[in-house]
Amino acid sequence: MVKIDCLGDMCPVPVLRLKNVMDSIKNGEECMLVTDHSCTITNIKSFCKANHLKYKAEEVINGVWEVTISLNK
């Protein structure tokens, strides 16, 4: 699983970093994006919906989210 550390990154940086990774992963693979900005969750959700990606967001620590994104073509 590819991990993207976006702690401290403000939008749109996390979405751009996710886009770069999604261009290189294969069908069925997952990546995990870690963020500490709640607005990122909304933007990642929109990006995933627009690109037909599955995602799951979980707040693992107060104010820190792990978002697992999978490519299923």
Protein backbone atom coordinates (compact mmCIF):
# COMPACT_ATOMS: atom_id res chain seq x y z
CA MET A 1 0.00 0.00 0.00
CA VAL A 2 1.28 3.43 -0.95
CA LYS A 3 1.14 5.97 1.88
CA ILE A 4 0.88 9.71 1.30
CA ASP A 5 1.78 11.88 4.28
CA CYS A 6 -0.11 15.16 3.91
CA LEU A 7 0.15 16.30 7.52
CA GLY A 8 0.40 20.08 7.47
CA ASP A 9 -0.49 20.31 3.76
CA MET A 10 -3.37 22.61 2.85
CA CYS A 11 -5.74 22.04 -0.07
CA PRO A 12 -5.29 21.51 -2.93
CA VAL A 13 -1.89 19.89 -2.22
CA PRO A 14 -3.29 16.58 -0.84
CA VAL A 15 -5.59 16.14 -3.84
CA LEU A 16 -2.73 16.86 -6.26
CA ARG A 17 -0.47 14.38 -4.47
CA LEU A 18 -3.23 11.76 -4.57
CA LYS A 19 -3.75 12.36 -8.29
CA ASN A 20 -0.06 11.77 -8.97
CA VAL A 21 -0.12 8.47 -7.08
CA MET A 22 -3.39 7.26 -8.61
CA ASP A 23 -1.90 7.69 -12.09
CA SER A 24 0.74 5.07 -11.26
CA ILE A 25 -1.08 2.40 -9.21
CA LYS A 26 -2.71 -0.68 -10.66
CA ASN A 27 -6.26 -1.98 -10.48
CA GLY A 28 -7.06 -3.37 -7.02
CA GLU A 29 -4.21 -1.54 -5.27
CA GLU A 30 -4.84 0.90 -2.45
CA CYS A 31 -3.20 4.00 -1.14
CA MET A 32 -3.56 5.72 2.20
CA LEU A 33 -3.53 9.48 2.58
CA VAL A 34 -2.97 10.92 6.07
CA THR A 35 -4.17 14.46 6.71
CA ASP A 36 -4.82 16.83 9.58
CA HIS A 37 -7.12 19.21 7.68
CA SER A 38 -10.83 18.42 7.68
CA CYS A 39 -11.40 20.30 4.41
CA THR A 40 -9.16 17.75 2.71
CA ILE A 41 -11.69 15.00 3.45
CA THR A 42 -14.38 16.85 1.48
CA ASN A 43 -12.04 17.47 -1.45
CA ILE A 44 -10.79 13.86 -1.49
CA LYS A 45 -14.41 12.65 -1.45
CA SER A 46 -15.22 14.82 -4.48
CA PHE A 47 -12.08 13.69 -6.31
CA CYS A 48 -12.87 10.03 -5.67
CA LYS A 49 -16.48 10.40 -6.77
CA ALA A 50 -15.45 12.16 -9.99
CA ASN A 51 -12.85 9.46 -10.75
CA HIS A 52 -14.92 6.43 -9.72
CA LEU A 53 -12.61 5.55 -6.84
CA LYS A 54 -13.59 3.92 -3.58
CA TYR A 55 -12.53 5.58 -0.36
CA LYS A 56 -12.90 5.21 3.37
CA ALA A 57 -12.05 8.00 5.81
CA GLU A 58 -11.38 7.34 9.47
CA GLU A 59 -10.42 9.83 12.17
CA VAL A 60 -7.70 7.84 13.95
CA ILE A 61 -6.66 10.57 16.37
CA ASN A 62 -8.54 13.74 17.19
CA GLY A 63 -7.94 15.91 14.11
CA VAL A 64 -5.99 13.31 12.09
CA TRP A 65 -7.63 11.26 9.34
CA GLU A 66 -6.49 8.25 7.37
CA VAL A 67 -8.20 7.99 4.00
CA THR A 68 -7.87 4.70 2.15
CA ILE A 69 -8.46 4.99 -1.59
CA SER A 70 -8.72 2.04 -3.95
CA LEU A 71 -8.74 1.80 -7.72
CA ASN A 72 -11.28 -0.67 -9.05
CA LYS A 73 -11.65 -0.57 -12.83
